[in-house]
N, C-alpha and C. Protein backbone atom coordinates (compact mmCIF):
# COMPACT_ATOMS: atom_id res chain seq x y z
N UNK A 1 -13.95 110.25 18.47
CA UNK A 1 -13.91 109.11 17.60
C UNK A 1 -13.04 109.46 16.39
N UNK A 2 -12.17 108.52 16.04
CA UNK A 2 -11.28 108.71 14.91
C UNK A 2 -12.03 108.55 13.59
N UNK A 3 -11.83 109.50 12.67
CA UNK A 3 -12.44 109.44 11.35
C UNK A 3 -11.80 108.32 10.55
N UNK A 4 -12.64 107.53 9.86
CA UNK A 4 -12.14 106.43 9.06
C UNK A 4 -12.64 106.55 7.63
N UNK A 5 -11.84 106.05 6.71
CA UNK A 5 -12.24 106.00 5.31
C UNK A 5 -12.35 104.54 4.91
N UNK A 6 -13.35 104.24 4.07
CA UNK A 6 -13.56 102.88 3.62
C UNK A 6 -13.50 102.84 2.10
N UNK A 7 -12.83 101.83 1.60
CA UNK A 7 -12.66 101.66 0.17
C UNK A 7 -13.99 101.31 -0.49
N UNK A 8 -14.25 101.89 -1.63
CA UNK A 8 -15.45 101.58 -2.38
C UNK A 8 -15.19 100.37 -3.27
N UNK A 9 -16.09 99.41 -3.23
CA UNK A 9 -15.98 98.18 -4.00
C UNK A 9 -17.24 98.06 -4.86
N UNK A 10 -17.07 97.70 -6.11
CA UNK A 10 -18.23 97.53 -7.00
C UNK A 10 -18.87 96.17 -6.73
N UNK A 11 -20.09 96.19 -6.28
CA UNK A 11 -20.90 94.98 -6.11
C UNK A 11 -22.17 95.21 -6.88
N UNK A 12 -22.53 94.27 -7.70
CA UNK A 12 -23.68 94.41 -8.59
C UNK A 12 -23.53 95.68 -9.44
N UNK A 13 -22.30 95.97 -9.84
CA UNK A 13 -21.94 97.08 -10.72
C UNK A 13 -22.17 98.46 -10.10
N UNK A 14 -22.35 98.51 -8.77
CA UNK A 14 -22.54 99.79 -8.09
C UNK A 14 -21.45 99.93 -7.03
N UNK A 15 -20.57 100.93 -7.14
CA UNK A 15 -19.53 101.09 -6.13
C UNK A 15 -20.11 101.61 -4.81
N UNK A 16 -19.84 100.89 -3.72
CA UNK A 16 -20.30 101.27 -2.39
C UNK A 16 -19.21 100.97 -1.38
N UNK A 17 -19.24 101.63 -0.20
CA UNK A 17 -18.20 101.39 0.79
C UNK A 17 -18.47 100.11 1.59
N UNK A 18 -17.53 99.18 1.53
CA UNK A 18 -17.63 97.92 2.28
C UNK A 18 -16.44 97.80 3.21
N UNK A 19 -16.64 97.07 4.31
CA UNK A 19 -15.57 96.85 5.27
C UNK A 19 -15.63 95.39 5.71
N UNK A 20 -14.45 94.74 5.89
CA UNK A 20 -14.47 93.37 6.40
C UNK A 20 -14.83 93.36 7.89
N UNK A 21 -15.62 92.37 8.30
CA UNK A 21 -16.02 92.25 9.70
C UNK A 21 -15.92 90.80 10.16
N UNK A 22 -15.75 90.62 11.47
CA UNK A 22 -15.86 89.31 12.11
C UNK A 22 -17.02 89.41 13.09
N UNK A 23 -17.93 88.46 13.03
CA UNK A 23 -19.09 88.45 13.90
C UNK A 23 -19.00 87.27 14.86
N UNK A 24 -19.33 87.52 16.13
CA UNK A 24 -19.24 86.50 17.17
C UNK A 24 -20.59 86.33 17.85
N UNK A 25 -20.96 85.09 18.11
CA UNK A 25 -22.12 84.77 18.94
C UNK A 25 -21.81 83.47 19.67
N UNK A 26 -21.63 83.55 20.99
CA UNK A 26 -21.24 82.38 21.79
C UNK A 26 -20.00 81.74 21.19
N UNK A 27 -20.06 80.48 20.76
CA UNK A 27 -18.90 79.79 20.20
C UNK A 27 -18.83 79.87 18.68
N UNK A 28 -19.66 80.69 18.07
CA UNK A 28 -19.69 80.81 16.61
C UNK A 28 -18.93 82.06 16.17
N UNK A 29 -18.18 81.94 15.09
CA UNK A 29 -17.42 83.05 14.51
C UNK A 29 -17.54 82.96 13.00
N UNK A 30 -17.86 84.08 12.36
CA UNK A 30 -17.85 84.13 10.90
C UNK A 30 -17.17 85.41 10.44
N UNK A 31 -16.61 85.37 9.25
CA UNK A 31 -16.05 86.56 8.61
C UNK A 31 -16.97 86.92 7.46
N UNK A 32 -17.18 88.21 7.28
CA UNK A 32 -18.09 88.67 6.23
C UNK A 32 -17.63 90.04 5.77
N UNK A 33 -18.35 90.59 4.82
CA UNK A 33 -18.12 91.94 4.33
C UNK A 33 -19.42 92.70 4.57
N UNK A 34 -19.32 93.89 5.17
CA UNK A 34 -20.51 94.67 5.50
C UNK A 34 -20.51 95.99 4.75
N UNK A 35 -21.69 96.42 4.37
CA UNK A 35 -21.88 97.73 3.76
C UNK A 35 -21.81 98.78 4.85
N UNK A 36 -21.01 99.81 4.65
CA UNK A 36 -20.93 100.93 5.58
C UNK A 36 -22.13 101.84 5.31
N UNK A 37 -23.01 101.96 6.29
CA UNK A 37 -24.22 102.76 6.14
C UNK A 37 -24.30 103.70 7.33
N UNK A 38 -23.67 104.85 7.23
CA UNK A 38 -23.59 105.77 8.36
C UNK A 38 -24.90 106.46 8.68
N UNK A 39 -25.89 106.36 7.80
CA UNK A 39 -27.17 107.01 8.05
C UNK A 39 -28.22 106.05 8.58
N UNK A 40 -27.85 104.81 8.85
CA UNK A 40 -28.81 103.80 9.26
C UNK A 40 -28.99 103.76 10.77
N UNK A 41 -30.24 103.59 11.20
CA UNK A 41 -30.50 103.41 12.64
C UNK A 41 -30.70 101.94 12.96
N UNK A 42 -30.80 101.11 11.94
CA UNK A 42 -30.97 99.67 12.11
C UNK A 42 -30.06 98.95 11.14
N UNK A 43 -29.46 97.85 11.58
CA UNK A 43 -28.65 97.03 10.71
C UNK A 43 -29.36 95.70 10.50
N UNK A 44 -29.28 95.18 9.30
CA UNK A 44 -29.95 93.93 8.96
C UNK A 44 -28.91 92.86 8.69
N UNK A 45 -29.05 91.75 9.41
CA UNK A 45 -28.16 90.60 9.23
C UNK A 45 -28.84 89.63 8.27
N UNK A 46 -28.19 89.26 7.18
CA UNK A 46 -28.81 88.29 6.27
C UNK A 46 -29.15 86.99 7.00
N UNK A 47 -30.24 86.37 6.59
CA UNK A 47 -30.76 85.16 7.21
C UNK A 47 -29.68 84.09 7.37
N UNK A 48 -28.94 83.78 6.29
CA UNK A 48 -27.96 82.70 6.34
C UNK A 48 -26.83 83.01 7.32
N UNK A 49 -26.41 84.28 7.42
CA UNK A 49 -25.37 84.62 8.40
C UNK A 49 -25.88 84.38 9.82
N UNK A 50 -27.15 84.67 10.07
CA UNK A 50 -27.73 84.40 11.38
C UNK A 50 -27.72 82.91 11.70
N UNK A 51 -28.06 82.09 10.72
CA UNK A 51 -28.02 80.63 10.90
C UNK A 51 -26.58 80.19 11.19
N UNK A 52 -25.61 80.73 10.42
CA UNK A 52 -24.20 80.38 10.62
C UNK A 52 -23.69 80.79 12.00
N UNK A 53 -24.32 81.80 12.60
CA UNK A 53 -23.94 82.25 13.95
C UNK A 53 -24.71 81.53 15.05
N UNK A 54 -25.53 80.56 14.67
CA UNK A 54 -26.23 79.75 15.66
C UNK A 54 -27.58 80.29 16.11
N UNK A 55 -28.10 81.32 15.44
CA UNK A 55 -29.40 81.86 15.83
C UNK A 55 -30.51 80.97 15.29
N UNK A 56 -31.59 80.90 16.04
CA UNK A 56 -32.79 80.20 15.61
C UNK A 56 -33.83 81.27 15.34
N UNK A 57 -34.24 81.39 14.10
CA UNK A 57 -35.23 82.40 13.74
C UNK A 57 -36.59 81.89 14.17
N UNK A 58 -37.09 82.45 15.24
CA UNK A 58 -38.33 82.01 15.87
C UNK A 58 -39.39 83.09 15.72
N UNK A 59 -40.49 82.75 15.05
CA UNK A 59 -41.55 83.73 14.80
C UNK A 59 -42.26 84.19 16.07
N UNK A 60 -42.04 83.51 17.20
CA UNK A 60 -42.74 83.90 18.42
C UNK A 60 -42.03 85.04 19.14
N UNK A 61 -40.82 85.41 18.70
CA UNK A 61 -40.09 86.53 19.31
C UNK A 61 -40.64 87.86 18.82
N UNK A 62 -40.23 88.93 19.48
CA UNK A 62 -40.64 90.26 19.05
C UNK A 62 -40.16 90.51 17.63
N UNK A 63 -40.95 91.19 16.85
CA UNK A 63 -40.56 91.51 15.48
C UNK A 63 -40.59 93.01 15.26
N UNK A 64 -39.78 93.46 14.33
CA UNK A 64 -39.66 94.87 13.99
C UNK A 64 -39.97 95.03 12.52
N UNK A 65 -40.96 95.85 12.15
CA UNK A 65 -41.22 96.06 10.72
C UNK A 65 -40.10 96.89 10.10
N UNK A 66 -39.67 96.50 8.91
CA UNK A 66 -38.60 97.20 8.21
C UNK A 66 -39.19 98.00 7.05
N UNK A 67 -38.55 99.09 6.72
CA UNK A 67 -38.98 99.90 5.59
C UNK A 67 -37.98 99.81 4.46
N UNK A 68 -38.04 100.76 3.57
CA UNK A 68 -37.09 100.80 2.46
C UNK A 68 -37.29 99.65 1.50
N UNK A 69 -36.16 99.05 1.06
CA UNK A 69 -36.21 97.97 0.09
C UNK A 69 -36.47 96.60 0.72
N UNK A 70 -36.46 96.54 2.06
CA UNK A 70 -36.68 95.27 2.75
C UNK A 70 -38.12 95.24 3.23
N UNK A 71 -38.94 94.47 2.58
CA UNK A 71 -40.36 94.44 2.91
C UNK A 71 -40.66 93.18 3.71
N UNK A 72 -40.16 93.12 4.96
CA UNK A 72 -40.41 91.97 5.81
C UNK A 72 -40.23 92.38 7.26
N UNK A 73 -40.36 91.41 8.15
CA UNK A 73 -40.17 91.67 9.57
C UNK A 73 -38.78 91.23 9.98
N UNK A 74 -38.26 91.83 11.05
CA UNK A 74 -36.95 91.48 11.57
C UNK A 74 -37.08 91.05 13.02
N UNK A 75 -36.17 90.20 13.46
CA UNK A 75 -36.12 89.76 14.85
C UNK A 75 -34.90 90.41 15.49
N UNK A 76 -35.07 91.10 16.64
CA UNK A 76 -33.91 91.75 17.27
C UNK A 76 -32.96 90.74 17.88
N UNK A 77 -31.66 90.92 17.60
CA UNK A 77 -30.61 90.09 18.19
C UNK A 77 -29.44 91.00 18.58
N UNK A 78 -28.53 90.47 19.34
CA UNK A 78 -27.32 91.20 19.72
C UNK A 78 -26.12 90.31 19.48
N UNK A 79 -25.11 90.83 18.77
CA UNK A 79 -23.89 90.07 18.50
C UNK A 79 -22.69 90.99 18.70
N UNK A 80 -21.52 90.42 18.78
CA UNK A 80 -20.27 91.17 18.88
C UNK A 80 -19.58 91.18 17.53
N UNK A 81 -18.83 92.25 17.25
CA UNK A 81 -18.17 92.35 15.96
C UNK A 81 -16.81 93.02 16.10
N UNK A 82 -15.89 92.63 15.22
CA UNK A 82 -14.63 93.33 15.02
C UNK A 82 -14.69 93.87 13.60
N UNK A 83 -14.47 95.16 13.45
CA UNK A 83 -14.61 95.80 12.15
C UNK A 83 -13.24 96.15 11.59
N UNK A 84 -13.05 95.83 10.31
CA UNK A 84 -11.83 96.22 9.60
C UNK A 84 -10.58 95.53 10.08
N UNK A 85 -10.61 94.22 10.20
CA UNK A 85 -9.44 93.47 10.67
C UNK A 85 -8.38 93.38 9.61
C-alpha cells in the first residue's frame, strides 16, 4: 500500500487531517470531507449524510454500541467511497 499524507485543516480551532471523499449508495452520490482516523476500527457516518444517501434509519435493525465521545447506538451499513478526488 502506498503511503499517503493528508493536509491538516483547522476545524473548531483544532488542526486535524481531513480528506475529500465521494460516497455512493445505489443512485445517490454525495461529496463530503472526512477525518482521517488511522487508529479507528469503526467509522461513523453523520445522520444527515445517511439520509442524503437514501438510508432509512430503522431502529429494528441490528445496533452497535459506540464508545468514546459518541454516546449512542449505530446501525451497520455498507457504502462505496472514492477518497481524495
